[in-house]
Every structure is written in structure tokens, then in C-alpha cells.
C-alpha atoms as a PDB file:
ATOM      1  CA  MET A   1      66.029  44.170  96.954  1.00  0.00           C
ATOM      2  CA  GLN A   2      63.528  46.760  95.037  1.00  0.00           C
ATOM      3  CA  LEU A   3      65.103  49.233  92.114  1.00  0.00           C
ATOM      4  CA  LYS A   4      65.650  52.343  93.253  1.00  0.00           C
ATOM      5  CA  LEU A   5      65.707  55.727  91.802  1.00  0.00           C
ATOM      6  CA  ARG A   6      69.322  56.355  93.208  1.00  0.00           C
ATOM      7  CA  HIS A   7      70.382  52.908  91.088  1.00  0.00           C
ATOM      8  CA  LEU A   8      69.403  54.687  87.927  1.00  0.00           C
ATOM      9  CA  ALA A   9      71.007  57.517  88.990  1.00  0.00           C
ATOM     10  CA  VAL A  10      74.452  56.703  89.691  1.00  0.00           C
ATOM     11  CA  PHE A  11      74.149  54.378  86.477  1.00  0.00           C
ATOM     12  CA  HIS A  12      73.286  57.156  84.158  1.00  0.00           C
ATOM     13  CA  ALA A  13      76.204  59.336  86.029  1.00  0.00           C
ATOM     14  CA  VAL A  14      79.028  56.281  84.930  1.00  0.00           C
ATOM     15  CA  MET A  15      77.465  55.884  81.212  1.00  0.00           C
ATOM     16  CA  GLU A  16      77.493  60.097  80.949  1.00  0.00           C
ATOM     17  CA  GLU A  17      81.116  60.779  82.483  1.00  0.00           C
ATOM     18  CA  GLY A  18      82.451  57.520  80.959  1.00  0.00           C
ATOM     19  CA  SER A  19      84.001  56.729  84.665  1.00  0.00           C
ATOM     20  CA  VAL A  20      83.357  55.840  88.106  1.00  0.00           C
ATOM     21  CA  SER A  21      85.839  58.643  89.239  1.00  0.00           C
ATOM     22  CA  LYS A  22      84.092  60.752  87.258  1.00  0.00           C
ATOM     23  CA  ALA A  23      80.468  59.546  88.359  1.00  0.00           C
ATOM     24  CA  ALA A  24      81.620  59.797  91.729  1.00  0.00           C
ATOM     25  CA  GLU A  25      82.896  62.998  91.623  1.00  0.00           C
ATOM     26  CA  ARG A  26      79.828  64.539  89.686  1.00  0.00           C
ATOM     27  CA  MET A  27      77.186  62.767  92.588  1.00  0.00           C
ATOM     28  CA  GLY A  28      79.036  63.389  95.621  1.00  0.00           C
ATOM     29  CA  LEU A  29      80.251  59.851  96.126  1.00  0.00           C
ATOM     30  CA  THR A  30      82.888  57.936  96.805  1.00  0.00           C
ATOM     31  CA  GLN A  31      84.186  55.679  94.136  1.00  0.00           C
ATOM     32  CA  PRO A  32      83.295  52.199  96.343  1.00  0.00           C
ATOM     33  CA  ALA A  33      79.820  53.920  97.171  1.00  0.00           C
ATOM     34  CA  VAL A  34      79.305  54.368  93.205  1.00  0.00           C
ATOM     35  CA  SER A  35      80.386  50.311  92.567  1.00  0.00           C
ATOM     36  CA  LEU A  36      78.369  49.093  95.343  1.00  0.00           C
ATOM     37  CA  ALA A  37      75.358  51.126  93.620  1.00  0.00           C
ATOM     38  CA  LEU A  38      76.130  49.288  90.092  1.00  0.00           C
ATOM     39  CA  SER A  39      76.748  46.071  91.783  1.00  0.00           C
ATOM     40  CA  THR A  40      73.476  45.927  93.487  1.00  0.00           C
ATOM     41  CA  LEU A  41      71.506  47.288  90.437  1.00  0.00           C
ATOM     42  CA  GLU A  42      73.157  44.084  88.093  1.00  0.00           C
ATOM     43  CA  ASP A  43      71.699  42.006  91.072  1.00  0.00           C
ATOM     44  CA  ILE A  44      68.548  43.540  90.817  1.00  0.00           C
ATOM     45  CA  LEU A  45      68.350  42.940  86.901  1.00  0.00           C
ATOM     46  CA  GLY A  46      70.122  39.385  87.080  1.00  0.00           C
ATOM     47  CA  TYR A  47      72.401  40.234  84.625  1.00  0.00           C
ATOM     48  CA  SER A  48      75.809  42.215  84.179  1.00  0.00           C
ATOM     49  CA  LEU A  49      76.385  45.872  82.724  1.00  0.00           C
ATOM     50  CA  PHE A  50      80.116  46.534  82.561  1.00  0.00           C
ATOM     51  CA  ASN A  51      82.800  44.711  81.660  1.00  0.00           C
ATOM     52  CA  ARG A  52      85.700  45.381  84.460  1.00  0.00           C
ATOM     53  CA  SER A  53      89.144  45.440  83.992  1.00  0.00           C
ATOM     54  CA  LYS A  54      91.860  46.768  85.999  1.00  0.00           C
ATOM     55  CA  GLY A  55      89.042  49.621  87.802  1.00  0.00           C
ATOM     56  CA  TYR A  56      87.799  50.217  84.284  1.00  0.00           C
ATOM     57  CA  PHE A  57      83.777  49.885  83.499  1.00  0.00           C
ATOM     58  CA  VAL A  58      83.082  49.238  80.091  1.00  0.00           C
ATOM     59  CA  PRO A  59      79.493  49.269  79.025  1.00  0.00           C
ATOM     60  CA  LYS A  60      78.114  46.215  77.766  1.00  0.00           C
ATOM     61  CA  PRO A  61      75.270  46.335  74.892  1.00  0.00           C
ATOM     62  CA  GLU A  62      72.530  46.022  77.539  1.00  0.00           C
ATOM     63  CA  ALA A  63      73.603  48.759  79.291  1.00  0.00           C
ATOM     64  CA  GLU A  64      73.538  50.708  75.698  1.00  0.00           C
ATOM     65  CA  GLN A  65      70.166  49.881  75.740  1.00  0.00           C
ATOM     66  CA  LEU A  66      69.175  51.027  79.169  1.00  0.00           C
ATOM     67  CA  HIS A  67      70.569  54.349  79.104  1.00  0.00           C
ATOM     68  CA  GLU A  68      68.213  55.890  77.517  1.00  0.00           C
ATOM     69  CA  ASP A  69      65.474  54.638  79.602  1.00  0.00           C
ATOM     70  CA  ALA A  70      66.927  55.807  82.513  1.00  0.00           C
ATOM     71  CA  GLU A  71      67.646  59.374  81.583  1.00  0.00           C
ATOM     72  CA  LEU A  72      63.831  59.403  80.647  1.00  0.00           C
ATOM     73  CA  ALA A  73      63.103  57.610  84.188  1.00  0.00           C
ATOM     74  CA  ILE A  74      65.385  60.377  85.924  1.00  0.00           C
ATOM     75  CA  LEU A  75      63.741  63.277  83.920  1.00  0.00           C
ATOM     76  CA  ALA A  76      60.324  61.914  84.664  1.00  0.00           C
ATOM     77  CA  PHE A  77      61.442  61.914  88.495  1.00  0.00           C
ATOM     78  CA  GLU A  78      62.442  65.278  88.330  1.00  0.00           C
ATOM     79  CA  LYS A  79      59.154  66.887  86.443  1.00  0.00           C
ATOM     80  CA  PHE A  80      57.387  65.248  89.380  1.00  0.00           C
ATOM     81  CA  ALA A  81      59.492  67.027  91.806  1.00  0.00           C
ATOM     82  CA  ALA A  82      59.076  70.317  90.121  1.00  0.00           C
ATOM     83  CA  HIS A  83      55.343  69.988  89.154  1.00  0.00           C
ATOM     84  CA  ALA A  84      54.520  68.770  92.932  1.00  0.00           C
ATOM     85  CA  GLN A  85      56.481  72.044  94.282  1.00  0.00           C
ATOM     86  CA  LEU A  86      54.675  74.488  92.054  1.00  0.00           C
ATOM     87  CA  ILE A  87      51.495  72.693  93.115  1.00  0.00           C
ATOM     88  CA  GLY A  88      52.434  73.178  97.088  1.00  0.00           C
ATOM     89  CA  ALA A  89      53.301  76.777  96.386  1.00  0.00           C
ATOM     90  CA  GLY A  90      49.674  77.081  94.284  1.00  0.00           C
ATOM     91  CA  ASP A  91      51.523  77.900  91.311  1.00  0.00           C
ATOM     92  CA  THR A  92      49.814  75.518  88.879  1.00  0.00           C
ATOM     93  CA  GLY A  93      46.811  73.901  89.029  1.00  0.00           C
ATOM     94  CA  LEU A  94      42.652  74.644  87.752  1.00  0.00           C
ATOM     95  CA  VAL A  95      39.986  76.840  89.207  1.00  0.00           C
ATOM     96  CA  ARG A  96      36.489  76.288  88.506  1.00  0.00           C
ATOM     97  CA  ILE A  97      34.274  78.882  89.113  1.00  0.00           C
ATOM     98  CA  GLY A  98      30.084  78.734  88.001  1.00  0.00           C
ATOM     99  CA  SER A  99      28.313  82.331  88.329  1.00  0.00           C
ATOM    100  CA  ILE A 100      25.083  83.696  87.908  1.00  0.00           C
ATOM    101  CA  GLY A 101      24.648  86.161  85.406  1.00  0.00           C
ATOM    102  CA  ALA A 102      24.884  89.236  87.805  1.00  0.00           C
ATOM    103  CA  PRO A 103      28.693  88.757  88.559  1.00  0.00           C
ATOM    104  CA  ALA A 104      29.530  87.254  85.415  1.00  0.00           C
ATOM    105  CA  VAL A 105      29.806  90.145  83.147  1.00  0.00           C
ATOM    106  CA  HIS A 106      31.481  92.968  84.398  1.00  0.00           C
ATOM    107  CA  PHE A 107      32.886  91.589  88.180  1.00  0.00           C
ATOM    108  CA  LEU A 108      34.317  88.300  87.395  1.00  0.00           C
ATOM    109  CA  PRO A 109      36.374  89.593  84.188  1.00  0.00           C
ATOM    110  CA  ASP A 110      38.151  92.053  86.961  1.00  0.00           C
ATOM    111  CA  VAL A 111      38.977  89.011  89.511  1.00  0.00           C
ATOM    112  CA  ILE A 112      40.065  86.732  86.936  1.00  0.00           C
ATOM    113  CA  SER A 113      42.068  89.108  85.238  1.00  0.00           C
ATOM    114  CA  GLN A 114      43.781  90.258  88.492  1.00  0.00           C
ATOM    115  CA  PHE A 115      44.339  86.585  89.664  1.00  0.00           C
ATOM    116  CA  THR A 116      45.944  85.297  86.416  1.00  0.00           C
ATOM    117  CA  SER A 117      48.164  87.949  86.404  1.00  0.00           C
ATOM    118  CA  LEU A 118      49.569  87.162  89.690  1.00  0.00           C
ATOM    119  CA  ARG A 119      49.055  82.939  88.590  1.00  0.00           C
ATOM    120  CA  ASP A 120      50.077  82.855  85.257  1.00  0.00           C
ATOM    121  CA  ARG A 121      50.138  79.344  85.323  1.00  0.00           C
ATOM    122  CA  ILE A 122      46.843  78.724  86.664  1.00  0.00           C
ATOM    123  CA  GLU A 123      43.950  77.817  84.542  1.00  0.00           C
ATOM    124  CA  VAL A 124      40.224  79.153  84.996  1.00  0.00           C
ATOM    125  CA  GLN A 125      36.977  78.226  83.884  1.00  0.00           C
ATOM    126  CA  LEU A 126      34.339  80.109  84.306  1.00  0.00           C
ATOM    127  CA  LEU A 127      30.450  78.490  83.696  1.00  0.00           C
ATOM    128  CA  VAL A 128      27.880  81.070  83.838  1.00  0.00           C
ATOM    129  CA  ARG A 129      24.491  79.045  84.841  1.00  0.00           C
ATOM    130  CA  SER A 130      21.217  79.352  86.565  1.00  0.00           C
ATOM    131  CA  SER A 131      21.816  79.337  90.945  1.00  0.00           C
ATOM    132  CA  ALA A 132      20.191  75.659  91.075  1.00  0.00           C
ATOM    133  CA  GLN A 133      22.702  74.265  88.399  1.00  0.00           C
ATOM    134  CA  ILE A 134      25.809  75.939  89.921  1.00  0.00           C
ATOM    135  CA  ALA A 135      24.591  74.455  93.449  1.00  0.00           C
ATOM    136  CA  TYR A 136      24.303  70.759  91.921  1.00  0.00           C
ATOM    137  CA  LEU A 137      28.041  71.453  90.122  1.00  0.00           C
ATOM    138  CA  VAL A 138      29.635  72.829  93.281  1.00  0.00           C
ATOM    139  CA  GLY A 139      28.038  69.987  95.635  1.00  0.00           C
ATOM    140  CA  ASN A 140      28.940  67.411  93.781  1.00  0.00           C
ATOM    141  CA  GLY A 141      32.688  68.452  92.793  1.00  0.00           C
ATOM    142  CA  GLN A 142      32.432  69.436  89.017  1.00  0.00           C
ATOM    143  CA  THR A 143      32.810  73.352  90.015  1.00  0.00           C
ATOM    144  CA  ASP A 144      35.111  74.857  92.839  1.00  0.00           C
ATOM    145  CA  ILE A 145      33.354  77.979  93.485  1.00  0.00           C
ATOM    146  CA  GLY A 146      29.798  79.549  93.077  1.00  0.00           C
ATOM    147  CA  LEU A 147      28.505  82.607  93.081  1.00  0.00           C
ATOM    148  CA  VAL A 148      24.477  82.277  93.180  1.00  0.00           C
ATOM    149  CA  GLU A 149      21.526  84.156  94.506  1.00  0.00           C
ATOM    150  CA  ALA A 150      20.735  83.989  97.694  1.00  0.00           C
ATOM    151  CA  PRO A 151      19.550  81.916 100.014  1.00  0.00           C
ATOM    152  CA  VAL A 152      21.069  78.644  97.864  1.00  0.00           C
ATOM    153  CA  ALA A 153      18.741  75.676  98.612  1.00  0.00           C
ATOM    154  CA  ALA A 154      21.625  73.099  98.691  1.00  0.00           C
ATOM    155  CA  GLN A 155      22.722  71.238 101.905  1.00  0.00           C
ATOM    156  CA  SER A 156      26.100  70.074 100.159  1.00  0.00           C
ATOM    157  CA  VAL A 157      27.359  73.479 100.197  1.00  0.00           C
ATOM    158  CA  SER A 158      28.924  75.980 102.675  1.00  0.00           C
ATOM    159  CA  ALA A 159      27.982  79.838 101.739  1.00  0.00           C
ATOM    160  CA  THR A 160      29.479  83.222 102.428  1.00  0.00           C
ATOM    161  CA  ARG A 161      26.528  85.892 101.967  1.00  0.00           C
ATOM    162  CA  VAL A 162      27.397  89.490 100.557  1.00  0.00           C
ATOM    163  CA  SER A 163      24.504  92.019 100.697  1.00  0.00           C
ATOM    164  CA  ILE A 164      25.128  94.333  97.887  1.00  0.00           C
ATOM    165  CA  PRO A 165      22.983  97.480  97.613  1.00  0.00           C
ATOM    166  CA  CYS A 166      21.155  98.431  94.328  1.00  0.00           C
ATOM    167  CA  VAL A 167      21.606 102.161  92.580  1.00  0.00           C
ATOM    168  CA  CYS A 168      19.577 103.390  89.652  1.00  0.00           C
ATOM    169  CA  ILE A 169      20.628 103.796  86.397  1.00  0.00           C
ATOM    170  CA  LEU A 170      20.300 105.974  83.621  1.00  0.00           C
ATOM    171  CA  ARG A 171      21.804 107.864  81.010  1.00  0.00           C
ATOM    172  CA  ASN A 172      24.034 110.912  81.582  1.00  0.00           C
ATOM    173  CA  ASP A 173      22.185 113.234  79.901  1.00  0.00           C
ATOM    174  CA  ASP A 174      19.402 112.519  81.455  1.00  0.00           C
ATOM    175  CA  PRO A 175      17.844 115.189  83.451  1.00  0.00           C
ATOM    176  CA  LEU A 176      17.597 112.816  86.632  1.00  0.00           C
ATOM    177  CA  ALA A 177      21.339 112.491  86.495  1.00  0.00           C
ATOM    178  CA  ALA A 178      21.330 116.185  88.571  1.00  0.00           C
ATOM    179  CA  GLU A 179      19.479 114.374  91.585  1.00  0.00           C
ATOM    180  CA  PRO A 180      22.120 113.145  94.398  1.00  0.00           C
ATOM    181  CA  VAL A 181      19.657 110.292  95.132  1.00  0.00           C
ATOM    182  CA  LEU A 182      16.838 108.773  93.720  1.00  0.00           C
ATOM    183  CA  THR A 183      13.251 108.069  95.098  1.00  0.00           C
ATOM    184  CA  PRO A 184      10.491 106.051  93.095  1.00  0.00           C
ATOM    185  CA  VAL A 185       8.812 109.763  93.290  1.00  0.00           C
ATOM    186  CA  HIS A 186      11.646 109.996  90.771  1.00  0.00           C
ATOM    187  CA  LEU A 187      10.636 107.692  88.940  1.00  0.00           C
ATOM    188  CA  ALA A 188       7.247 108.145  88.637  1.00  0.00           C
ATOM    189  CA  ASP A 189       6.292 107.909  85.157  1.00  0.00           C
ATOM    190  CA  ARG A 190       9.511 106.923  83.480  1.00  0.00           C
ATOM    191  CA  ARG A 191       9.808 103.847  81.229  1.00  0.00           C
ATOM    192  CA  LEU A 192      11.373 101.018  83.623  1.00  0.00           C
ATOM    193  CA  ILE A 193      13.921  97.956  82.674  1.00  0.00           C
ATOM    194  CA  SER A 194      13.459  95.551  85.419  1.00  0.00           C
ATOM    195  CA  VAL A 195      14.559  91.743  85.711  1.00  0.00           C
ATOM    196  CA  SER A 196      12.137  88.933  85.334  1.00  0.00           C
ATOM    197  CA  GLN A 197       9.193  89.062  87.686  1.00  0.00           C
ATOM    198  CA  ASP A 198       9.719  87.071  90.898  1.00  0.00           C
ATOM    199  CA  HIS A 199      13.428  87.938  91.277  1.00  0.00           C
ATOM    200  CA  GLN A 200      14.398  88.946  94.690  1.00  0.00           C
ATOM    201  CA  LEU A 201      14.959  92.503  93.560  1.00  0.00           C
ATOM    202  CA  ASP A 202      11.617  92.735  91.957  1.00  0.00           C
ATOM    203  CA  ARG A 203       9.752  92.033  94.795  1.00  0.00           C
ATOM    204  CA  GLN A 204      11.528  94.746  96.693  1.00  0.00           C
ATOM    205  CA  ILE A 205      11.434  97.369  93.958  1.00  0.00           C
ATOM    206  CA  LYS A 206       7.507  96.689  93.726  1.00  0.00           C
ATOM    207  CA  ALA A 207       7.681  97.213  97.539  1.00  0.00           C
ATOM    208  CA  ALA A 208       9.175 100.239  97.616  1.00  0.00           C
ATOM    209  CA  PHE A 209       6.747 101.869  94.943  1.00  0.00           C
ATOM    210  CA  VAL A 210       3.596 100.719  96.796  1.00  0.00           C
ATOM    211  CA  ASP A 211       5.272 102.102 100.089  1.00  0.00           C
ATOM    212  CA  ALA A 212       5.575 105.660  98.130  1.00  0.00           C
ATOM    213  CA  GLY A 213       2.583 105.236  96.433  1.00  0.00           C
ATOM    214  CA  VAL A 214       3.658 105.491  93.335  1.00  0.00           C
ATOM    215  CA  ALA A 215       2.475 103.283  90.121  1.00  0.00           C
ATOM    216  CA  TRP A 216       4.838 100.290  89.413  1.00  0.00           C
ATOM    217  CA  TYR A 217       4.648  99.043  85.818  1.00  0.00           C
ATOM    218  CA  SER A 218       7.881  97.591  84.156  1.00  0.00           C
ATOM    219  CA  GLN A 219       7.440  97.805  80.377  1.00  0.00           C
ATOM    220  CA  ILE A 220      11.009  95.956  79.641  1.00  0.00           C
ATOM    221  CA  ARG A 221      12.080  92.802  81.182  1.00  0.00           C
ATOM    222  CA  CYS A 222      14.749  90.616  80.978  1.00  0.00           C
ATOM    223  CA  TYR A 223      17.002  88.050  82.707  1.00  0.00           C
ATOM    224  CA  PHE A 224      20.819  89.810  83.051  1.00  0.00           C
ATOM    225  CA  PHE A 225      21.620  93.022  84.918  1.00  0.00           C
ATOM    226  CA  ALA A 226      24.281  93.541  82.212  1.00  0.00           C
ATOM    227  CA  ILE A 227      21.548  93.471  79.420  1.00  0.00           C
ATOM    228  CA  ILE A 228      19.150  95.822  81.420  1.00  0.00           C
ATOM    229  CA  ARG A 229      22.649  98.080  81.446  1.00  0.00           C
ATOM    230  CA  ASN A 230      22.966  97.871  78.167  1.00  0.00           C
ATOM    231  CA  LEU A 231      19.542  98.985  77.058  1.00  0.00           C
ATOM    232  CA  VAL A 232      19.479 102.021  79.609  1.00  0.00           C
ATOM    233  CA  ALA A 233      22.624 102.855  77.417  1.00  0.00           C
ATOM    234  CA  ARG A 234      20.985 103.168  74.242  1.00  0.00           C
ATOM    235  CA  GLY A 235      17.832 105.010  76.244  1.00  0.00           C
ATOM    236  CA  THR A 236      15.029 102.517  76.677  1.00  0.00           C
ATOM    237  CA  GLY A 237      14.969 103.535  79.695  1.00  0.00           C
ATOM    238  CA  VAL A 238      15.466 103.586  83.829  1.00  0.00           C
ATOM    239  CA  ALA A 239      16.644 100.747  85.652  1.00  0.00           C
ATOM    240  CA  ILE A 240      17.381  99.735  89.299  1.00  0.00           C
ATOM    241  CA  VAL A 241      20.058  97.113  89.421  1.00  0.00           C
ATOM    242  CA  ASP A 242      23.407  95.631  91.734  1.00  0.00           C
ATOM    243  CA  ALA A 243      25.954  97.635  92.507  1.00  0.00           C
ATOM    244  CA  VAL A 244      28.450  95.561  90.490  1.00  0.00           C
ATOM    245  CA  ASN A 245      26.549  96.208  87.308  1.00  0.00           C
ATOM    246  CA  GLY A 246      25.230  99.711  88.278  1.00  0.00           C
ATOM    247  CA  CYS A 247      28.936 100.998  89.610  1.00  0.00           C
ATOM    248  CA  ALA A 248      30.827  98.982  86.638  1.00  0.00           C
ATOM    249  CA  GLY A 249      33.599 101.333  85.084  1.00  0.00           C
ATOM    250  CA  VAL A 250      32.573 100.950  81.419  1.00  0.00           C
ATOM    251  CA  GLU A 251      32.340 104.025  78.957  1.00  0.00           C
ATOM    252  CA  ASP A 252      28.599 103.485  78.121  1.00  0.00           C
ATOM    253  CA  GLY A 253      27.102 106.850  78.698  1.00  0.00           C
ATOM    254  CA  VAL A 254      25.647 105.113  82.034  1.00  0.00           C
ATOM    255  CA  THR A 255      25.623 106.761  85.410  1.00  0.00           C
ATOM    256  CA  TRP A 256      24.379 105.625  88.338  1.00  0.00           C
ATOM    257  CA  ARG A 257      22.755 107.339  91.832  1.00  0.00           C
ATOM    258  CA  PRO A 258      22.038 106.193  95.075  1.00  0.00           C
ATOM    259  CA  PHE A 259      17.968 105.258  95.436  1.00  0.00           C
ATOM    260  CA  GLU A 260      16.065 105.310  98.564  1.00  0.00           C
ATOM    261  CA  PRO A 261      14.567 103.159  99.978  1.00  0.00           C
ATOM    262  CA  THR A 262      17.816 101.046 100.305  1.00  0.00           C
ATOM    263  CA  LEU A 263      17.335  98.061  98.238  1.00  0.00           C
ATOM    264  CA  ARG A 264      19.696  94.772  98.506  1.00  0.00           C
ATOM    265  CA  PHE A 265      20.835  91.919  95.871  1.00  0.00           C
ATOM    266  CA  GLU A 266      21.581  88.891  98.180  1.00  0.00           C
ATOM    267  CA  LEU A 267      24.576  86.646  96.988  1.00  0.00           C
ATOM    268  CA  ASP A 268      25.804  83.550  98.122  1.00  0.00           C
ATOM    269  CA  VAL A 269      29.546  82.406  97.681  1.00  0.00           C
ATOM    270  CA  ILE A 270      29.869  78.813  97.908  1.00  0.00           C
ATOM    271  CA  THR A 271      32.319  75.931  97.824  1.00  0.00           C
ATOM    272  CA  ARG A 272      31.535  72.221  98.691  1.00  0.00           C
ATOM    273  CA  ALA A 273      30.919  71.706 102.420  1.00  0.00           C
ATOM    274  CA  ASP A 274      32.656  68.443 102.844  1.00  0.00           C
ATOM    275  CA  ALA A 275      36.159  68.900 100.337  1.00  0.00           C
ATOM    276  CA  ALA A 276      38.867  71.602 100.963  1.00  0.00           C
ATOM    277  CA  LEU A 277      40.053  73.600  98.232  1.00  0.00           C
ATOM    278  CA  GLN A 278      43.096  73.447  96.679  1.00  0.00           C
ATOM    279  CA  LYS A 279      45.295  76.624  97.051  1.00  0.00           C
ATOM    280  CA  PRO A 280      44.788  78.289  93.927  1.00  0.00           C
ATOM    281  CA  ALA A 281      41.255  78.449  94.563  1.00  0.00           C
ATOM    282  CA  ILE A 282      41.641  79.626  98.204  1.00  0.00           C
ATOM    283  CA  GLU A 283      43.281  82.568  96.945  1.00  0.00           C
ATOM    284  CA  PHE A 284      40.363  83.104  94.256  1.00  0.00           C
ATOM    285  CA  LEU A 285      37.749  82.728  96.999  1.00  0.00           C
ATOM    286  CA  ASP A 286      39.423  84.992  99.131  1.00  0.00           C
ATOM    287  CA  MET A 287      40.067  87.808  96.460  1.00  0.00           C
ATOM    288  CA  THR A 288      36.650  86.987  95.048  1.00  0.00           C
ATOM    289  CA  ILE A 289      34.769  87.790  98.205  1.00  0.00           C
ATOM    290  CA  GLU A 290      37.108  90.437  99.609  1.00  0.00           C
ATOM    291  CA  ARG A 291      36.387  92.770  95.944  1.00  0.00           C
ATOM    292  CA  LEU A 292      32.230  91.911  96.930  1.00  0.00           C
ATOM    293  CA  ARG A 293      32.489  92.859 100.189  1.00  0.00           C
ATOM    294  CA  GLY A 294      33.883  96.342  98.949  1.00  0.00           C
ATOM    295  CA  PHE A 295      30.144  96.835  97.427  1.00  0.00           C
ATOM    296  CA  GLU A 296      28.537  96.182 100.574  1.00  0.00           C
ATOM    297  CA  SER A 297      28.778  99.866 101.762  1.00  0.00           C
ATOM    298  CA  ARG A 298      28.616 101.152  98.372  1.00  0.00           C
ATOM    299  CA  SER A 299      25.497 103.913  98.421  1.00  0.00           C
END
């Protein structure tokens, strides 16, 4: 016969209460059931734990030595049960997020703040890397959720596409802020700040200017939309960026206007294709996609 937690629980109750009758009452058992459980425990161990005399159970030194271990085993089981319940309810765990710079600065901090306010026992890790690096990490299970530029070139991940419109950002005191919509013609002869060459948005902007017959020249280029916004805030120039960064509620003196023709920044939210997410990660994923969908009609 194998040792079971019930044997330890009965033994612990007898040691705590000092008698079989009180232990039986505490556990909701009959006295014969408690006595049988103690006898079974002694048979399994191969030695007696109590001196029995006229219905009294007096602990032997062996019982005193094992009492603390029994209590720790019961506490460990209770901890396991409580932790398992929390995991099942999605109240504990770790969510690992990988993101390119565009959504990492202004968007994801808001999502993480909202998520952790609802799930205060969930740990969240945010890693900012290139799209290729994030796709690799998600594909091999080192990251749960990734936000990358579309299209993602990895068969090991599943992707949800989000198409975010782009807007023109400029300082609040810029004369162009009086215009309801801005076009390449409005930006002729203005200092333009843009993303690195060969970026998906860079190609769209060039095509829009060419189609409008407006010369295209970008004096300042950088990799992150959030840095572009900081440059605009300092009066360095104007820029066309994704609505996530362009419409961020940041009190930095920058405003935004719709841009025509419509330009869009394509973003893929990815997860590992052959593995299911735990409940907290699913909740974070759903919240992220829902919030991103809110930008799709922004114009």
C-alpha cells in the first residue's frame, strides 16, 4: 500500500488535537476511521507511532520527529491546490511580449497598465527587437506574443493583420495645423522627418509625393516613430507616422492631421502556430488586438 496524503492529514490532526476523538470531529470522520488510518500509516512505515492504552494514543518519539514533516507536506499540497486554482482562473503566470519600436513606446505601455490593473499577479515582460528577431523568438516558444511589421516571414507563427492609417504630425503652433487634412502639396518645401529608407511607409510616402508631382526629400531619418515624434516636438520638422504614435495622448506640443492619399502601416500580431497560449496570454492578446483595431478607422 502506498502512502497517501489522507494518512498524513489524519496523523497531523491526531498530533494537533491530542486525541482520536477530537481529530475525528475535526476531520468529519468516525473514530474507527481515524484509528484505521493511523494503523495503515504505521503498517506502511513499518513501525508504530503511538502507544495505545485503553483508547488513548500517546505519541512516540518517532511520531514527534515526523509531525513537522507531515505538516509541511500538507501545507505544500494546499499551496499546490491554491496555485493550480489561480492558474486555472488565469490569475497567475507570465506573459512574454516581443515588439518592434512602433507599438512599444506609446501603445503597449497603456495595454500593459490596463492588463496588470486587472491581473495583479501576472508578470509581464516586454522585449523590443527587430521583426525578424521577434518572429524567431515567438516561433521557438521564447516569447508568447509578437508585434511585427507585416508580412511576417516565418511559417512557425500565426498572424493577425492590423492595418493602421498614417497621419501627419506637426507642432500645435504650426500654420498647417489650421488645415483639416494635409497632402503632399501642403508639405512641399517643408523639412520632412522620415523612417529609415526601404521601410514599408517610406516607400508609400515617396509614391504619394511622386503621384502629386511634389519633390520628395527627407533630411532626417531614424528608425523609431516615437523618436520622430520627439523631433517634431522640438520643431525640427513635420512627419508622417502611424496613428498609434501620431495620435498618442502625449502632452508634448504635437498635434496630428489626417493625410491624403491614405497611407497605412501594416502590423502583424503573432503567436506560435503549434502551441496554445495560457489563459493570461490569451487575455493579453485579445486586449492588444482589440485596442489596435480601434486605430484602423482613425483618419
